[in-house]
Every structure is written in C-alpha cells, then in structure tokens.
PDB file of all heavy atoms in Angstrom:
ATOM      1  N   SER A   1      -5.591  -1.089   4.872  1.00  0.00           N
ATOM      2  CA  SER A   1      -5.072   0.078   5.867  1.00  0.00           C
ATOM      3  C   SER A   1      -4.842   1.399   5.137  1.00  0.00           C
ATOM      4  O   SER A   1      -4.360   2.279   5.745  1.00  0.00           O
ATOM      5  CB  SER A   1      -3.694  -0.550   6.363  1.00  0.00           C
ATOM      6  OG  SER A   1      -2.817  -0.765   5.314  1.00  0.00           O
ATOM      7  N   ASN A   2      -5.203   1.495   3.957  1.00  0.00           N
ATOM      8  CA  ASN A   2      -5.033   2.785   3.192  1.00  0.00           C
ATOM      9  C   ASN A   2      -6.318   3.583   3.482  1.00  0.00           C
ATOM     10  O   ASN A   2      -7.381   3.239   3.887  1.00  0.00           O
ATOM     11  CB  ASN A   2      -5.028   2.501   1.784  1.00  0.00           C
ATOM     12  CG  ASN A   2      -3.673   1.822   1.378  1.00  0.00           C
ATOM     13  OD1 ASN A   2      -2.592   2.021   1.830  1.00  0.00           O
ATOM     14  ND2 ASN A   2      -3.823   0.762   0.386  1.00  0.00           N
ATOM     15  N   PRO A   3      -6.197   4.948   3.375  1.00  0.00           N
ATOM     16  CA  PRO A   3      -7.339   5.849   3.641  1.00  0.00           C
ATOM     17  C   PRO A   3      -8.470   5.791   2.676  1.00  0.00           C
ATOM     18  O   PRO A   3      -9.551   6.061   2.953  1.00  0.00           O
ATOM     19  CB  PRO A   3      -6.567   7.238   3.409  1.00  0.00           C
ATOM     20  CG  PRO A   3      -5.454   7.065   2.540  1.00  0.00           C
ATOM     21  CD  PRO A   3      -4.920   5.706   2.993  1.00  0.00           C
ATOM     22  N   PHE A   4      -8.096   5.152   1.505  1.00  0.00           N
ATOM     23  CA  PHE A   4      -9.149   4.780   0.368  1.00  0.00           C
ATOM     24  C   PHE A   4      -8.630   3.833  -0.458  1.00  0.00           C
ATOM     25  O   PHE A   4      -7.344   3.470  -0.502  1.00  0.00           O
ATOM     26  CB  PHE A   4      -9.678   6.026  -0.253  1.00  0.00           C
ATOM     27  CG  PHE A   4      -8.469   6.834  -0.795  1.00  0.00           C
ATOM     28  CD1 PHE A   4      -7.624   6.551  -1.828  1.00  0.00           C
ATOM     29  CD2 PHE A   4      -8.353   8.167  -0.166  1.00  0.00           C
ATOM     30  CE1 PHE A   4      -6.652   7.390  -2.266  1.00  0.00           C
ATOM     31  CE2 PHE A   4      -7.180   9.036  -0.529  1.00  0.00           C
ATOM     32  CZ  PHE A   4      -6.382   8.598  -1.453  1.00  0.00           C
ATOM     33  N   SER A   5      -9.546   3.058  -1.144  1.00  0.00           N
ATOM     34  CA  SER A   5      -9.133   2.010  -2.128  1.00  0.00           C
ATOM     35  C   SER A   5      -9.025   2.746  -3.454  1.00  0.00           C
ATOM     36  O   SER A   5      -9.850   3.665  -3.813  1.00  0.00           O
ATOM     37  CB  SER A   5     -10.108   0.888  -2.138  1.00  0.00           C
ATOM     38  OG  SER A   5      -9.682  -0.096  -3.118  1.00  0.00           O
ATOM     39  N   MET A   6      -7.977   2.436  -4.231  1.00  0.00           N
ATOM     40  CA  MET A   6      -7.595   3.098  -5.482  1.00  0.00           C
ATOM     41  C   MET A   6      -7.628   2.189  -6.693  1.00  0.00           C
ATOM     42  O   MET A   6      -7.124   1.035  -6.644  1.00  0.00           O
ATOM     43  CB  MET A   6      -6.345   3.809  -5.339  1.00  0.00           C
ATOM     44  CG  MET A   6      -5.865   4.503  -6.592  1.00  0.00           C
ATOM     45  SD  MET A   6      -4.029   5.195  -6.381  1.00  0.00           S
ATOM     46  CE  MET A   6      -3.141   3.588  -6.331  1.00  0.00           C
ATOM     47  N   LEU A   7      -8.262   2.589  -7.710  1.00  0.00           N
ATOM     48  CA  LEU A   7      -8.258   1.927  -9.020  1.00  0.00           C
ATOM     49  C   LEU A   7      -7.992   2.963 -10.140  1.00  0.00           C
ATOM     50  O   LEU A   7      -8.765   3.758 -10.333  1.00  0.00           O
ATOM     51  CB  LEU A   7      -9.627   1.188  -9.277  1.00  0.00           C
ATOM     52  CG  LEU A   7      -9.716   0.520 -10.629  1.00  0.00           C
ATOM     53  CD1 LEU A   7      -8.609  -0.552 -10.843  1.00  0.00           C
ATOM     54  CD2 LEU A   7     -11.174  -0.142 -10.765  1.00  0.00           C
ATOM     55  N   PHE A   8      -6.809   2.717 -10.922  1.00  0.00           N
ATOM     56  CA  PHE A   8      -6.455   3.587 -12.083  1.00  0.00           C
ATOM     57  C   PHE A   8      -6.301   2.678 -13.166  1.00  0.00           C
ATOM     58  O   PHE A   8      -5.763   1.671 -13.136  1.00  0.00           O
ATOM     59  CB  PHE A   8      -5.097   4.312 -11.815  1.00  0.00           C
ATOM     60  CG  PHE A   8      -4.694   5.098 -12.724  1.00  0.00           C
ATOM     61  CD1 PHE A   8      -5.186   6.293 -13.101  1.00  0.00           C
ATOM     62  CD2 PHE A   8      -3.632   4.711 -13.657  1.00  0.00           C
ATOM     63  CE1 PHE A   8      -4.728   7.100 -14.229  1.00  0.00           C
ATOM     64  CE2 PHE A   8      -3.197   5.406 -14.687  1.00  0.00           C
ATOM     65  CZ  PHE A   8      -3.758   6.566 -15.059  1.00  0.00           C
ATOM     66  N   ALA A   9      -6.769   3.274 -14.361  1.00  0.00           N
ATOM     67  CA  ALA A   9      -6.664   2.602 -15.591  1.00  0.00           C
ATOM     68  C   ALA A   9      -6.383   3.534 -16.692  1.00  0.00           C
ATOM     69  O   ALA A   9      -7.161   4.573 -16.862  1.00  0.00           O
ATOM     70  CB  ALA A   9      -7.944   1.802 -15.821  1.00  0.00           C
ATOM     71  N   ALA A  10      -5.258   3.371 -17.423  1.00  0.00           N
ATOM     72  CA  ALA A  10      -4.921   4.276 -18.590  1.00  0.00           C
ATOM     73  C   ALA A  10      -5.013   3.322 -19.771  1.00  0.00           C
ATOM     74  O   ALA A  10      -4.224   2.342 -20.017  1.00  0.00           O
ATOM     75  CB  ALA A  10      -3.489   4.760 -18.415  1.00  0.00           C
ATOM     76  N   GLY A  11      -5.924   3.619 -20.697  1.00  0.00           N
ATOM     77  CA  GLY A  11      -6.020   2.991 -22.019  1.00  0.00           C
ATOM     78  C   GLY A  11      -6.815   1.690 -21.922  1.00  0.00           C
ATOM     79  O   GLY A  11      -7.189   1.144 -20.903  1.00  0.00           O
ATOM     80  N   ASN A  12      -6.956   1.013 -23.046  1.00  0.00           N
ATOM     81  CA  ASN A  12      -7.774  -0.240 -23.079  1.00  0.00           C
ATOM     82  C   ASN A  12      -6.649  -1.323 -22.655  1.00  0.00           C
ATOM     83  O   ASN A  12      -5.517  -1.303 -23.077  1.00  0.00           O
ATOM     84  CB  ASN A  12      -8.165  -0.471 -24.668  1.00  0.00           C
ATOM     85  CG  ASN A  12      -9.042  -1.712 -24.747  1.00  0.00           C
ATOM     86  OD1 ASN A  12      -8.481  -2.752 -24.550  1.00  0.00           O
ATOM     87  ND2 ASN A  12     -10.252  -1.541 -24.940  1.00  0.00           N
ATOM     88  N   PRO A  13      -7.132  -2.345 -21.999  1.00  0.00           N
ATOM     89  CA  PRO A  13      -6.213  -3.389 -21.440  1.00  0.00           C
ATOM     90  C   PRO A  13      -5.379  -3.924 -22.466  1.00  0.00           C
ATOM     91  O   PRO A  13      -4.176  -4.445 -22.207  1.00  0.00           O
ATOM     92  CB  PRO A  13      -7.153  -4.308 -20.711  1.00  0.00           C
ATOM     93  CG  PRO A  13      -8.311  -3.590 -20.254  1.00  0.00           C
ATOM     94  CD  PRO A  13      -8.574  -2.530 -21.338  1.00  0.00           C
ATOM     95  N   SER A  14      -5.819  -4.173 -23.737  1.00  0.00           N
ATOM     96  CA  SER A  14      -5.048  -4.789 -24.809  1.00  0.00           C
ATOM     97  C   SER A  14      -4.178  -3.806 -25.604  1.00  0.00           C
ATOM     98  O   SER A  14      -3.475  -4.348 -26.533  1.00  0.00           O
ATOM     99  CB  SER A  14      -5.982  -5.519 -25.696  1.00  0.00           C
ATOM    100  OG  SER A  14      -6.989  -4.599 -26.357  1.00  0.00           O
ATOM    101  N   GLN A  15      -4.302  -2.617 -25.270  1.00  0.00           N
ATOM    102  CA  GLN A  15      -3.518  -1.785 -26.087  1.00  0.00           C
ATOM    103  C   GLN A  15      -2.101  -1.521 -25.574  1.00  0.00           C
ATOM    104  O   GLN A  15      -1.774  -1.593 -24.378  1.00  0.00           O
ATOM    105  CB  GLN A  15      -4.224  -0.132 -25.777  1.00  0.00           C
ATOM    106  CG  GLN A  15      -3.394   0.911 -26.601  1.00  0.00           C
ATOM    107  CD  GLN A  15      -4.273   2.165 -26.292  1.00  0.00           C
ATOM    108  OE1 GLN A  15      -5.374   2.284 -25.707  1.00  0.00           O
ATOM    109  NE2 GLN A  15      -3.535   3.325 -26.851  1.00  0.00           N
ATOM    110  N   PRO A  16      -1.170  -1.523 -26.543  1.00  0.00           N
ATOM    111  CA  PRO A  16       0.288  -1.287 -26.043  1.00  0.00           C
ATOM    112  C   PRO A  16       0.482   0.001 -25.031  1.00  0.00           C
ATOM    113  O   PRO A  16       0.053   0.983 -25.439  1.00  0.00           O
ATOM    114  CB  PRO A  16       1.041  -1.118 -27.309  1.00  0.00           C
ATOM    115  CG  PRO A  16       0.240  -1.816 -28.352  1.00  0.00           C
ATOM    116  CD  PRO A  16      -1.263  -1.402 -27.903  1.00  0.00           C
ATOM    117  N   GLY A  17       1.087  -0.307 -23.906  1.00  0.00           N
ATOM    118  CA  GLY A  17       1.379   0.866 -23.106  1.00  0.00           C
ATOM    119  C   GLY A  17       0.300   1.037 -22.048  1.00  0.00           C
ATOM    120  O   GLY A  17       0.495   1.895 -21.181  1.00  0.00           O
ATOM    121  N   ALA A  18      -0.785   0.267 -22.130  1.00  0.00           N
ATOM    122  CA  ALA A  18      -1.940   0.509 -21.017  1.00  0.00           C
ATOM    123  C   ALA A  18      -1.405   0.009 -19.690  1.00  0.00           C
ATOM    124  O   ALA A  18      -0.624  -1.018 -19.456  1.00  0.00           O
ATOM    125  CB  ALA A  18      -3.024  -0.518 -21.550  1.00  0.00           C
ATOM    126  N   VAL A  19      -1.870   0.828 -18.698  1.00  0.00           N
ATOM    127  CA  VAL A  19      -1.416   0.601 -17.321  1.00  0.00           C
ATOM    128  C   VAL A  19      -2.626   0.497 -16.477  1.00  0.00           C
ATOM    129  O   VAL A  19      -3.611   1.154 -16.630  1.00  0.00           O
ATOM    130  CB  VAL A  19      -0.467   1.866 -16.835  1.00  0.00           C
ATOM    131  CG1 VAL A  19       0.027   1.642 -15.395  1.00  0.00           C
ATOM    132  CG2 VAL A  19       0.566   2.046 -17.837  1.00  0.00           C
ATOM    133  N   SER A  20      -2.493  -0.368 -15.325  1.00  0.00           N
ATOM    134  CA  SER A  20      -3.669  -0.479 -14.366  1.00  0.00           C
ATOM    135  C   SER A  20      -2.974  -0.578 -13.012  1.00  0.00           C
ATOM    136  O   SER A  20      -1.945  -1.207 -12.862  1.00  0.00           O
ATOM    137  CB  SER A  20      -4.466  -1.724 -14.695  1.00  0.00           C
ATOM    138  OG  SER A  20      -3.690  -2.843 -14.601  1.00  0.00           O
ATOM    139  N   PHE A  21      -3.584   0.221 -12.087  1.00  0.00           N
ATOM    140  CA  PHE A  21      -3.206   0.130 -10.749  1.00  0.00           C
ATOM    141  C   PHE A  21      -4.361  -0.372  -9.727  1.00  0.00           C
ATOM    142  O   PHE A  21      -5.417   0.273  -9.930  1.00  0.00           O
ATOM    143  CB  PHE A  21      -2.779   1.587 -10.237  1.00  0.00           C
ATOM    144  CG  PHE A  21      -1.549   2.224 -10.838  1.00  0.00           C
ATOM    145  CD1 PHE A  21      -1.154   3.592 -10.643  1.00  0.00           C
ATOM    146  CD2 PHE A  21      -0.580   1.368 -11.470  1.00  0.00           C
ATOM    147  CE1 PHE A  21      -0.033   3.966 -11.282  1.00  0.00           C
ATOM    148  CE2 PHE A  21       0.662   1.912 -12.097  1.00  0.00           C
ATOM    149  CZ  PHE A  21       0.894   3.197 -11.908  1.00  0.00           C
ATOM    150  N   TRP A  22      -4.145  -1.274  -8.962  1.00  0.00           N
ATOM    151  CA  TRP A  22      -5.054  -1.590  -8.053  1.00  0.00           C
ATOM    152  C   TRP A  22      -4.459  -1.581  -6.633  1.00  0.00           C
ATOM    153  O   TRP A  22      -3.406  -2.204  -6.416  1.00  0.00           O
ATOM    154  CB  TRP A  22      -5.511  -3.076  -8.236  1.00  0.00           C
ATOM    155  CG  TRP A  22      -6.250  -3.306  -9.395  1.00  0.00           C
ATOM    156  CD1 TRP A  22      -5.887  -3.255 -10.699  1.00  0.00           C
ATOM    157  CD2 TRP A  22      -7.774  -3.788  -9.431  1.00  0.00           C
ATOM    158  NE1 TRP A  22      -6.916  -3.531 -11.629  1.00  0.00           N
ATOM    159  CE2 TRP A  22      -8.067  -3.906 -10.826  1.00  0.00           C
ATOM    160  CE3 TRP A  22      -8.613  -4.129  -8.446  1.00  0.00           C
ATOM    161  CZ2 TRP A  22      -9.334  -4.277 -11.280  1.00  0.00           C
ATOM    162  CZ3 TRP A  22      -9.901  -4.513  -8.965  1.00  0.00           C
ATOM    163  CH2 TRP A  22     -10.200  -4.611 -10.350  1.00  0.00           C
ATOM    164  N   SER A  23      -5.058  -0.813  -5.625  1.00  0.00           N
ATOM    165  CA  SER A  23      -4.333  -0.685  -4.414  1.00  0.00           C
ATOM    166  C   SER A  23      -4.665  -2.050  -3.523  1.00  0.00           C
ATOM    167  O   SER A  23      -3.872  -2.373  -2.659  1.00  0.00           O
ATOM    168  CB  SER A  23      -4.928   0.480  -3.621  1.00  0.00           C
ATOM    169  OG  SER A  23      -6.313   0.405  -3.353  1.00  0.00           O
ATOM    170  N   SER A  24      -5.746  -2.674  -3.856  1.00  0.00           N
ATOM    171  CA  SER A  24      -6.160  -3.826  -3.191  1.00  0.00           C
ATOM    172  C   SER A  24      -7.223  -4.633  -3.966  1.00  0.00           C
ATOM    173  O   SER A  24      -7.587  -4.258  -4.883  1.00  0.00           O
ATOM    174  CB  SER A  24      -6.700  -3.602  -1.692  1.00  0.00           C
ATOM    175  OG  SER A  24      -7.905  -2.884  -1.817  1.00  0.00           O
ATOM    176  N   SER A  25      -7.220  -5.940  -3.421  1.00  0.00           N
ATOM    177  CA  SER A  25      -8.369  -6.855  -4.157  1.00  0.00           C
ATOM    178  C   SER A  25      -8.700  -7.820  -3.058  1.00  0.00           C
ATOM    179  O   SER A  25      -7.870  -8.176  -2.079  1.00  0.00           O
ATOM    180  CB  SER A  25      -7.904  -7.403  -5.315  1.00  0.00           C
ATOM    181  OG  SER A  25      -6.915  -8.372  -5.061  1.00  0.00           O
ATOM    182  N   VAL A  26      -9.821  -8.478  -3.294  1.00  0.00           N
ATOM    183  CA  VAL A  26     -10.279  -9.616  -2.450  1.00  0.00           C
ATOM    184  C   VAL A  26     -10.422 -10.898  -3.325  1.00  0.00           C
ATOM    185  O   VAL A  26     -11.133 -10.934  -4.301  1.00  0.00           O
ATOM    186  CB  VAL A  26     -11.693  -9.416  -1.769  1.00  0.00           C
ATOM    187  CG1 VAL A  26     -12.152 -10.533  -0.963  1.00  0.00           C
ATOM    188  CG2 VAL A  26     -11.586  -8.043  -0.952  1.00  0.00           C
ATOM    189  N   SER A  27      -9.458 -11.776  -2.923  1.00  0.00           N
ATOM    190  CA  SER A  27      -9.386 -13.046  -3.855  1.00  0.00           C
ATOM    191  C   SER A  27     -10.218 -14.191  -3.002  1.00  0.00           C
ATOM    192  O   SER A  27     -10.308 -14.247  -1.851  1.00  0.00           O
ATOM    193  CB  SER A  27      -7.957 -13.409  -3.992  1.00  0.00           C
ATOM    194  OG  SER A  27      -7.852 -14.645  -4.566  1.00  0.00           O
ATOM    195  N   THR A  28     -10.771 -15.095  -3.713  1.00  0.00           N
ATOM    196  CA  THR A  28     -11.345 -16.189  -3.240  1.00  0.00           C
ATOM    197  C   THR A  28     -10.465 -17.441  -3.200  1.00  0.00           C
ATOM    198  O   THR A  28      -9.832 -17.845  -4.116  1.00  0.00           O
ATOM    199  CB  THR A  28     -12.563 -16.612  -4.018  1.00  0.00           C
ATOM    200  OG1 THR A  28     -13.495 -15.454  -3.993  1.00  0.00           O
ATOM    201  CG2 THR A  28     -13.457 -17.820  -3.353  1.00  0.00           C
ATOM    202  N   THR A  29     -10.298 -17.974  -1.998  1.00  0.00           N
ATOM    203  CA  THR A  29      -9.393 -19.064  -1.826  1.00  0.00           C
ATOM    204  C   THR A  29     -10.272 -20.247  -1.193  1.00  0.00           C
ATOM    205  O   THR A  29     -11.540 -20.391  -1.095  1.00  0.00           O
ATOM    206  CB  THR A  29      -8.341 -18.920  -0.880  1.00  0.00           C
ATOM    207  OG1 THR A  29      -8.885 -18.518   0.441  1.00  0.00           O
ATOM    208  CG2 THR A  29      -7.535 -17.683  -1.332  1.00  0.00           C
ATOM    209  N   SER A  30      -9.596 -21.373  -0.784  1.00  0.00           N
ATOM    210  CA  SER A  30     -10.305 -22.651  -0.252  1.00  0.00           C
ATOM    211  C   SER A  30     -10.900 -22.273   1.037  1.00  0.00           C
ATOM    212  O   SER A  30     -10.393 -21.349   1.882  1.00  0.00           O
ATOM    213  CB  SER A  30      -9.327 -23.696  -0.043  1.00  0.00           C
ATOM    214  OG  SER A  30      -9.786 -24.760   0.635  1.00  0.00           O
ATOM    215  N   GLY A  31     -12.166 -22.843   1.418  1.00  0.00           N
ATOM    216  CA  GLY A  31     -12.632 -22.575   2.649  1.00  0.00           C
ATOM    217  C   GLY A  31     -12.111 -23.448   3.727  1.00  0.00           C
ATOM    218  O   GLY A  31     -12.550 -23.368   4.908  1.00  0.00           O
ATOM    219  N   GLN A  32     -10.915 -24.073   3.520  1.00  0.00           N
ATOM    220  CA  GLN A  32     -10.271 -24.873   4.602  1.00  0.00           C
ATOM    221  C   GLN A  32      -8.743 -24.517   4.442  1.00  0.00           C
ATOM    222  O   GLN A  32      -8.232 -24.384   3.286  1.00  0.00           O
ATOM    223  CB  GLN A  32     -10.477 -26.336   4.406  1.00  0.00           C
ATOM    224  CG  GLN A  32     -11.896 -26.760   4.694  1.00  0.00           C
ATOM    225  CD  GLN A  32     -11.997 -28.260   4.598  1.00  0.00           C
ATOM    226  OE1 GLN A  32     -11.288 -28.977   3.938  1.00  0.00           O
ATOM    227  NE2 GLN A  32     -13.181 -28.866   5.168  1.00  0.00           N
ATOM    228  N   ASP A  33      -8.066 -24.482   5.632  1.00  0.00           N
ATOM    229  CA  ASP A  33      -6.649 -24.433   5.515  1.00  0.00           C
ATOM    230  C   ASP A  33      -5.986 -25.864   5.352  1.00  0.00           C
ATOM    231  O   ASP A  33      -6.694 -26.721   5.117  1.00  0.00           O
ATOM    232  CB  ASP A  33      -6.124 -23.912   6.880  1.00  0.00           C
ATOM    233  CG  ASP A  33      -6.475 -24.552   8.079  1.00  0.00           C
ATOM    234  OD1 ASP A  33      -6.802 -25.787   7.921  1.00  0.00           O
ATOM    235  OD2 ASP A  33      -6.387 -24.049   9.237  1.00  0.00           O
ATOM    236  N   LEU A  34      -4.592 -25.836   5.505  1.00  0.00           N
ATOM    237  CA  LEU A  34      -3.858 -27.058   5.091  1.00  0.00           C
ATOM    238  C   LEU A  34      -4.233 -28.056   6.141  1.00  0.00           C
ATOM    239  O   LEU A  34      -4.097 -29.342   5.840  1.00  0.00           O
ATOM    240  CB  LEU A  34      -2.392 -26.761   5.022  1.00  0.00           C
ATOM    241  CG  LEU A  34      -1.889 -25.846   3.983  1.00  0.00           C
ATOM    242  CD1 LEU A  34      -0.333 -25.583   4.161  1.00  0.00           C
ATOM    243  CD2 LEU A  34      -2.240 -26.327   2.641  1.00  0.00           C
ATOM    244  N   ALA A  35      -4.639 -27.756   7.350  1.00  0.00           N
ATOM    245  CA  ALA A  35      -4.936 -28.878   8.373  1.00  0.00           C
ATOM    246  C   ALA A  35      -6.376 -29.203   8.337  1.00  0.00           C
ATOM    247  O   ALA A  35      -6.781 -30.010   9.141  1.00  0.00           O
ATOM    248  CB  ALA A  35      -4.614 -28.233   9.764  1.00  0.00           C
ATOM    249  N   GLY A  36      -7.154 -28.647   7.362  1.00  0.00           N
ATOM    250  CA  GLY A  36      -8.617 -29.026   7.122  1.00  0.00           C
ATOM    251  C   GLY A  36      -9.475 -28.177   8.123  1.00  0.00           C
ATOM    252  O   GLY A  36     -10.768 -28.455   8.209  1.00  0.00           O
ATOM    253  N   ASN A  37      -9.021 -27.227   8.839  1.00  0.00           N
ATOM    254  CA  ASN A  37      -9.925 -26.297   9.655  1.00  0.00           C
ATOM    255  C   ASN A  37     -10.690 -25.263   8.662  1.00  0.00           C
ATOM    256  O   ASN A  37     -10.022 -24.813   7.649  1.00  0.00           O
ATOM    257  CB  ASN A  37      -9.021 -25.569  10.580  1.00  0.00           C
ATOM    258  CG  ASN A  37      -8.229 -26.444  11.605  1.00  0.00           C
ATOM    259  OD1 ASN A  37      -8.875 -27.564  11.888  1.00  0.00           O
ATOM    260  ND2 ASN A  37      -7.002 -26.276  11.700  1.00  0.00           N
TER     261      ASN A  37
END
C-alpha cells in the first residue's frame, strides 16, 4: 500500500552498526492452509 517499495542498507551486513530497512517482502509459505485448501 506504499507509494513505492523501499530498500535501504548502511554498511556491510556483518559490520558493527550496519542497518537495513525493508518496506516489504514476499515470503514463500505452504501451498495449503490449515484445512488443506
């Protein structure tokens, strides 16, 4: 629902003080719900 998707990264991920911002992501889950649908 945002006007744009945002990805910010400061420093190398393993560096002390490194920061990352993700406004959204798409995750993969099971192809069926709890009822098997």
